Amino acid sequence: MKWLLIIFVKVIDLVRLINYTCAFLENDGCFLLIKRAPDRDVNPNFWSGIGGKIEPGEINDPFSACVREIKEETGITGNSIEDLKLRYIIIRRHKDVIRQSYIYFGKVNTKSIADTGEGTLYWIPKEELMHKQYTSTYKKMIEHYLSSDADDNTIFVGVAESVGGKLKMCWSKVEDFGD
């Protein structure tokens, strides 16, 4: 029985947690997206909002990490960002890593952006958002965002499940229930 406990502990040791943040920024009906460079190790040529890994000192402040990533990848500073709100938390497992992503939506009062080494930035009309190649979880999140009638203060958590080898996202509202 002791060997079973040792194996169980070793399996748990193999799972890591990585936190990400991402922003979908809107200006005049268009969203700022990045098409990742073809030489990127992770998701080359895929489309995404603006974001990246949350640094260890930001682990309890994904909002600040998001604003930092926006500035690093676009040159857009905090004073040009309006109504940046957490709308989604996505949890998925990829091999031995649990990925938790904090997804923000907001507006910017500029279309002026800086060049980035992460990929190429584009302003994409809202009606064209579903026509880009995203990771499967982001595609499901964008579908949900576009079809949801929730107000701007609703936060959803999405947990990725494999059902018959296909992605199924289970969405729930994150609500305060008074305790």
Foldseek 3Di string as FASTA:
>chain_A
DVVVVVVVVVLLVLAAEWEKEFEFADDPQWTKKFQFDQPDPPNHRAIGGFITTDDPVCVVPSVVRHQVRCCQAWVDHPVQKAPWAFAEWEWEDDPRYIYIYTYTYTYGPDPHTDHHPRGDIDTGGLVCVLVGGHPPVVNVVSVCVVPDPDDSHWHKYWYWDQDVNDTDTDIDTDDDPDD
